[in-house]
Amino acid sequence: MRISRLIIATAIATATSVMLASPAMAFSLANLNPAHQNSTAAGFPSKDCNSPFPTLANSDGWHFVLPASQGDSFATMTLNFSGGLVVGPITSFDENNPTTGPGWSGYFDNAGMVEKHAYVSTSPAGLTLLNGTAQITPDGKVGSTFNLSHTCPGTPTTATPSPSGATPTPSGGAETGGGGSFGFSLMGVGALTMAGGMGVVLFLRRRRDESA
């Protein structure tokens, strides 16, 4: 009786250990399809903004798919974007409660009871998707890849140039300045003319006095 109980207890403990250990060993690593690396949302050829991307201001939407030939389901996903933005690891399977971080939001969605789709939003719009990895099922599959299916480009914001502190001189001011200079020049010529006339008068008067 004791031996039977010992055998049963050992079997239960072994089964429990396997169950607890299996989740940590149940995933394979998949990489983003090299053909889809270094993509921008605006430059990617397939676009569709009707997908349920997470709501995020000034953002691009990204839809990823795990092909059936590459694996059964997503478990986690991490993506790297330009500007140093790291998205993930995404772990949520709830559209209404996505995994979020500074400048990103994402979740997995099911298709036929398995999570083969991932919807991600990144902000600001205009970033480049550099690369990405995902944990997938089943365990032991080597060399799997997942695809960027389509995008929803946002509108990148552009900085408004700040006005400079210098105030340009109106063109009329330069013309006015020129007119003033011209007026002073005329006054100078008039003064010289008057001085010359007086000199002539004084010269003639002296000649007349000498003749007398």
Protein backbone atom coordinates (compact mmCIF):
# COMPACT_ATOMS: atom_id res chain seq x y z
CA MET A 1 0.00 0.00 0.00
CA ARG A 2 2.76 2.39 0.93
CA ILE A 3 4.65 1.50 -2.27
CA SER A 4 1.54 2.22 -4.36
CA ARG A 5 1.04 5.58 -2.68
CA LEU A 6 4.69 6.40 -3.22
CA ILE A 7 4.44 5.51 -6.91
CA ILE A 8 1.31 7.65 -7.33
CA ALA A 9 2.86 10.61 -5.53
CA THR A 10 5.98 10.35 -7.63
CA ALA A 11 3.93 10.24 -10.83
CA ILE A 12 1.94 13.31 -9.81
CA ALA A 13 5.09 15.24 -8.90
CA THR A 14 6.70 14.29 -12.22
CA ALA A 15 3.64 15.34 -14.21
CA THR A 16 3.45 18.62 -12.33
CA SER A 17 7.11 19.33 -12.98
CA VAL A 18 6.65 18.66 -16.70
CA MET A 19 3.61 20.92 -16.85
CA LEU A 20 5.43 23.75 -15.08
CA ALA A 21 8.56 23.38 -17.15
CA SER A 22 6.91 22.97 -20.56
CA PRO A 23 5.79 26.60 -21.08
CA ALA A 24 9.39 27.81 -20.82
CA MET A 25 10.44 25.27 -23.45
CA ALA A 26 7.46 25.52 -25.78
CA PHE A 27 8.64 28.30 -28.10
CA SER A 28 10.86 28.66 -31.13
CA LEU A 29 12.51 31.87 -32.33
CA ALA A 30 11.31 33.52 -35.54
CA ASN A 31 12.85 36.52 -37.28
CA LEU A 32 11.22 39.24 -39.34
CA ASN A 33 11.38 38.36 -43.03
CA PRO A 34 14.61 39.98 -44.34
CA ALA A 35 12.67 41.32 -47.33
CA HIS A 36 10.55 43.38 -44.93
CA GLN A 37 13.38 44.80 -42.85
CA ASN A 38 14.25 48.51 -43.22
CA SER A 39 10.68 49.33 -44.29
CA THR A 40 8.70 52.50 -43.70
CA ALA A 41 4.93 52.50 -43.39
CA ALA A 42 4.62 55.02 -46.22
CA GLY A 43 7.03 53.14 -48.48
CA PHE A 44 5.65 49.62 -47.93
CA PRO A 45 3.70 48.50 -51.02
CA SER A 46 0.72 46.94 -49.16
CA LYS A 47 -1.42 49.38 -47.19
CA ASP A 48 -4.71 48.96 -45.37
CA CYS A 49 -5.96 51.33 -42.68
CA ASN A 50 -9.11 49.32 -41.94
CA SER A 51 -7.29 46.93 -39.62
CA PRO A 52 -7.83 47.31 -35.86
CA PHE A 53 -4.54 49.03 -35.02
CA PRO A 54 -4.12 50.29 -31.45
CA THR A 55 -5.10 53.92 -31.06
CA LEU A 56 -2.01 56.12 -30.80
CA ALA A 57 -1.60 59.77 -31.81
CA ASN A 58 0.67 60.69 -34.74
CA SER A 59 1.39 57.03 -35.45
CA ASP A 60 2.03 54.42 -38.14
CA GLY A 61 0.16 51.10 -38.09
CA TRP A 62 1.92 47.76 -38.73
CA HIS A 63 0.22 44.39 -39.33
CA PHE A 64 2.38 41.27 -38.96
CA VAL A 65 1.41 37.70 -39.91
CA LEU A 66 2.90 34.31 -39.03
CA PRO A 67 2.47 32.05 -42.09
CA ALA A 68 1.12 28.57 -41.42
CA SER A 69 4.26 27.06 -42.90
CA GLN A 70 6.41 28.90 -40.34
CA GLY A 71 4.57 28.20 -37.09
CA ASP A 72 1.27 27.92 -35.27
CA SER A 73 1.02 30.99 -33.06
CA PHE A 74 2.79 34.10 -31.79
CA ALA A 75 3.71 34.17 -28.10
CA THR A 76 5.84 37.34 -27.84
CA MET A 77 7.28 39.87 -30.27
CA THR A 78 10.02 42.51 -30.12
CA LEU A 79 10.65 45.06 -32.89
CA ASN A 80 13.41 47.61 -33.44
CA PHE A 81 12.78 50.92 -35.19
CA SER A 82 14.89 53.89 -36.21
CA GLY A 83 15.44 56.56 -33.60
CA GLY A 84 16.19 53.91 -30.97
CA LEU A 85 12.54 52.88 -30.50
CA VAL A 86 12.22 49.33 -29.15
CA VAL A 87 8.72 47.84 -29.28
CA GLY A 88 7.98 44.98 -26.93
CA PRO A 89 8.03 42.42 -25.84
CA ILE A 90 4.38 42.36 -26.90
CA THR A 91 2.46 39.79 -24.87
CA SER A 92 -1.18 40.91 -24.94
CA PHE A 93 -3.89 38.92 -26.70
CA ASP A 94 -6.55 41.52 -25.93
CA GLU A 95 -7.37 44.26 -28.45
CA ASN A 96 -8.91 46.35 -25.67
CA ASN A 97 -5.89 46.01 -23.40
CA PRO A 98 -2.78 46.03 -25.62
CA THR A 99 0.80 45.92 -24.40
CA THR A 100 2.07 49.51 -24.39
CA GLY A 101 5.27 51.46 -23.92
CA PRO A 102 6.64 54.94 -24.70
CA GLY A 103 5.81 55.54 -28.36
CA TRP A 104 4.20 52.15 -29.12
CA SER A 105 1.26 49.85 -28.54
CA GLY A 106 0.52 46.32 -29.77
CA TYR A 107 -1.37 43.06 -29.33
CA PHE A 108 -1.88 39.65 -30.95
CA ASP A 109 -5.12 38.64 -32.64
CA ASN A 110 -6.37 35.15 -33.40
CA ALA A 111 -7.28 33.51 -36.66
CA GLY A 112 -8.82 30.06 -36.29
CA MET A 113 -8.20 30.01 -32.52
CA VAL A 114 -4.45 30.69 -32.86
CA GLU A 115 -2.72 34.06 -32.61
CA LYS A 116 -1.18 34.42 -36.07
CA HIS A 117 -1.66 38.20 -36.38
CA ALA A 118 0.00 41.11 -34.59
CA TYR A 119 -1.16 44.73 -34.74
CA VAL A 120 1.29 47.45 -33.72
CA SER A 121 1.23 51.25 -33.68
CA THR A 122 4.38 53.36 -33.40
CA SER A 123 4.81 57.08 -32.80
CA PRO A 124 5.95 59.42 -34.23
CA ALA A 125 4.91 58.53 -37.76
CA GLY A 126 7.68 58.07 -40.29
CA LEU A 127 9.96 55.65 -38.40
CA THR A 128 11.78 52.81 -40.18
CA LEU A 129 11.21 49.19 -39.13
CA LEU A 130 14.76 47.83 -38.82
CA ASN A 131 14.23 44.22 -37.68
CA GLY A 132 12.28 42.06 -35.26
CA THR A 133 12.03 38.71 -33.49
CA ALA A 134 9.14 36.67 -32.11
CA GLN A 135 8.66 33.63 -29.94
CA ILE A 136 6.33 31.20 -31.68
CA THR A 137 4.90 27.71 -31.28
CA PRO A 138 5.64 24.89 -31.84
CA ASP A 139 8.86 24.31 -29.98
CA GLY A 140 11.91 23.14 -31.89
CA LYS A 141 11.19 24.76 -35.26
CA VAL A 142 14.34 26.33 -36.73
CA GLY A 143 14.67 29.16 -39.23
CA SER A 144 11.09 30.47 -39.03
CA THR A 145 10.20 33.95 -40.26
CA PHE A 146 7.14 36.17 -39.93
CA ASN A 147 5.95 38.79 -42.39
CA LEU A 148 4.95 42.42 -42.43
CA SER A 149 1.57 42.07 -44.12
CA HIS A 150 0.55 45.70 -44.59
CA THR A 151 0.82 49.15 -43.05
CA CYS A 152 -1.26 52.23 -42.32
CA PRO A 153 0.98 55.29 -42.73
CA GLY A 154 0.44 58.25 -40.47
CA THR A 155 1.31 61.83 -41.29
CA PRO A 156 4.75 62.86 -39.99
CA THR A 157 4.72 66.23 -38.28
CA THR A 158 7.11 68.90 -39.52
CA ALA A 159 8.65 71.51 -37.25
CA THR A 160 7.48 75.07 -37.93
CA PRO A 161 10.49 77.39 -38.39
CA SER A 162 10.69 79.94 -35.58
CA PRO A 163 10.82 83.59 -36.74
CA SER A 164 14.22 85.22 -36.51
CA GLY A 165 14.74 88.15 -34.14
CA ALA A 166 16.00 90.46 -36.89
CA THR A 167 13.41 92.68 -38.56
CA PRO A 168 14.10 93.17 -42.28
CA THR A 169 14.46 96.73 -43.48
CA PRO A 170 11.57 97.72 -45.77
CA SER A 171 12.57 98.54 -49.33
CA GLY A 172 10.87 101.92 -49.06
CA GLY A 173 13.22 102.89 -46.25
CA ALA A 174 16.23 102.48 -48.48
CA GLU A 175 14.60 104.60 -51.17
CA THR A 176 13.72 107.26 -48.61
CA GLY A 177 17.28 107.30 -47.39
CA GLY A 178 18.51 107.74 -50.94
CA GLY A 179 16.08 110.63 -51.50
CA GLY A 180 17.33 112.36 -48.37
CA SER A 181 20.92 112.08 -49.51
CA PHE A 182 19.95 113.47 -52.90
CA GLY A 183 18.25 116.44 -51.20
CA PHE A 184 21.37 117.21 -49.18
CA SER A 185 23.44 117.01 -52.36
CA LEU A 186 21.23 119.58 -54.06
CA MET A 187 21.56 121.90 -51.10
CA GLY A 188 25.34 121.59 -51.29
CA VAL A 189 25.36 122.43 -55.01
CA GLY A 190 23.12 125.44 -54.37
CA ALA A 191 25.44 126.73 -51.66
CA LEU A 192 28.46 126.37 -53.92
CA THR A 193 26.65 128.20 -56.74
CA MET A 194 25.75 131.10 -54.47
CA ALA A 195 29.32 131.32 -53.17
CA GLY A 196 30.65 131.34 -56.71
CA GLY A 197 28.23 134.09 -57.73
CA MET A 198 29.24 136.30 -54.83
CA GLY A 199 32.89 135.79 -55.73
CA VAL A 200 32.23 136.99 -59.27
CA VAL A 201 30.41 140.08 -57.99
CA LEU A 202 33.28 140.96 -55.62
CA PHE A 203 35.83 140.49 -58.42
CA LEU A 204 33.98 142.80 -60.78
CA ARG A 205 33.53 145.43 -58.07
CA ARG A 206 37.27 145.38 -57.34
CA ARG A 207 38.10 145.86 -61.04
CA ARG A 208 35.72 148.76 -61.23
CA ASP A 209 37.29 150.41 -58.15
CA GLU A 210 40.77 149.96 -59.59
CA SER A 211 39.71 151.54 -62.89
CA ALA A 212 38.25 154.56 -61.11
